Amino acid sequence: MSAPSPPLRPLVLLHGWGLSASVWKPLLGHLHPQRPVHVPDLPGHGDASPAGETLASWADALLPALPDNCVLVGWSLGAHLALHLAHHRPDRIARLVLIGASPRFTACGDWPHGLPDTSLAEFRAQFDSAPEATQRRFIALQSIGDQARKAVAAALTDSLTPADAAHQAALACGLGLLAGTDLRPLASGIVQPVRLLHGSEDKLMPVAAAEWLADQLPGGRLSVFGHTGHAPFLSRSADCAALIEGFADE
């Protein structure tokens, strides 16, 4: 009699700014039906309540969604939260998958792999005055360069958190977290194995940022998808699912 297969490690998927957990739907359809999967909304997004104004407070709010020995998958702002959680709560997280990730969203003197500070400041000001138009612009930036650009943009649009009175403050806070977070000092201290998935045409988080992370993370490995933008899990769902599950159960 053969030994029973070990249980599949649970996945926790953290989405990006301005969206909701429903953005993962295309990926979920390619995962093993018996694998436990948790898809929380980020604080103040979707159906989730706000949770303060710091990356730490947002991470603390997500902790109840993390089962022990999980594989934490973070995309974009979700990758910032995943890195923070992996560093501060290594007891809860067995492995880390970072999609469209960068340790720092904005460029500075010793970090050329980001958006100019002035561009993000302008973006934040536009969000304050015209939030819905700003969300549409952000979707365009995420889908540009992708061979499935129209389908990616449609999927992102369908998953938006509305920039209404109930959500606007938290969404503005999320932009502030992107503007002010620098996780480079944490990278060398991440103890978990890490798989990075990145689109070659990502205009928000350049491939060079993911290459830096793969080099600095002790257990980092990078896979780059050609002709793909900021959301490879949407345009290359089956490929991403296969890489995530293969890595999860190594």
Foldseek 3Di string as FASTA:
>chain_A
DDDDDDAFAAEEEEEAFQFFLLLLVLLVVQADPRHHYHRHGFDLFDPHHHFDQALVRRLVVCVVRQAAAHEYEAAHLRLCSQLVCLQPPVRRYAEYEYALDFLAAEDDDVRPQHHHLVVLVVLLVCCVVPVVVSQLVVLQLQLPQAPPSVQSSVSRVVGGGDCDPSRVVRSSSSSVNNHPGHCVVSLLVRDHAYEYEYECAEPRGHVVRVVVSQVRHPRYDYDYDYSGYRCCCRVVSNVVNVVVSVVSVD
